[in-house]
Each structure stands twice: as structure tokens, then as C-alpha cells.
């Protein structure tokens, strides 16, 4: 299970965001502005494999700050310790309700790699099957896992 953790965390980390051409924030209704424009920290204690449904315990915090156009992920890797990275948001399509019990929000942008390359990716937060989950794609390839959000909170800047 530990050998699987590193590639799973890597997929999650690389799924942090994606990159379209124009930088914009889109809210579909005025009532969503309150949650869509706020900084929210999501706490994850497990990821689930899409095929087979196996769950892997982990700990990660993802902070989405739409105003500064940044997503930060901090996670624990049992083999190499803590991992952290930032992703830059280029566009947001937000349809989440204020209580995060319905809808979805999609963040597109990139993660700048150490060699200067940009990895394009998309992160979607959605209420699905009575759970708030995070899924994503990297360079247009869907991840084979999704993260189950255990807790979320609005962070005051």
C-alpha cells in the first residue's frame, strides 16, 4: 500500500490545477459569489481508487485562494515526509452553493516544475454521492483516484 501512495500522491499533486488561455473567474449566479470568492481549506484523510474502490489513508490540506489565484497542497508521504507545492489558477468555473452541498467548481491552471516546464491540469471539487470530493486531470489525462474531503473551512485572509 505504501508503494502505491507515492504515485497516488503524485497524481493528486499534479491534479492541482490546469491551463487555459485567458485568466478569469466565472460565477454562474450571484448567490455563489460568497463561497466562490473565498479562500477555502479542504482537509483530506483518504483517497479512493476509481477502479475497484480501494481506499488509501493519507493526510493532505488543499487551500484554494481564488483572489490570489493560488492553490496550495500540503500532504504527508509516509516514505519521504511532507510534500508541498503551489499551483497557479488561470480560470475558475464555480457552481458550488454556499454550504458546499451541491454543485461543482473547476479550477484550471498549471504547476511550474523545477525545470521551468508547466504541467497543465484541472482540479474539480464537487458534491457527489453525499460526499464532497476532489478529482482532476493532468495534461488531459484523468486521474485514477479522487480525494474525499473530510472537512472544509473558510480561511480569513
Foldseek 3Di string as FASTA:
>chain_A
DLVVVVVQVVQVVLQQAFDDDAAEEDEPDPQACVVSQFKKKFWFQWKFFQPPGDIDGWIKIWIQHVVQQKIKMWTARPVPGIDIFMWGFRYKYDDAHPVQQADKMKTWGWGQDPVRDTWGKMWMWGHDPNFTKIWMAIPNHGDRMITTTPDMDTDDD
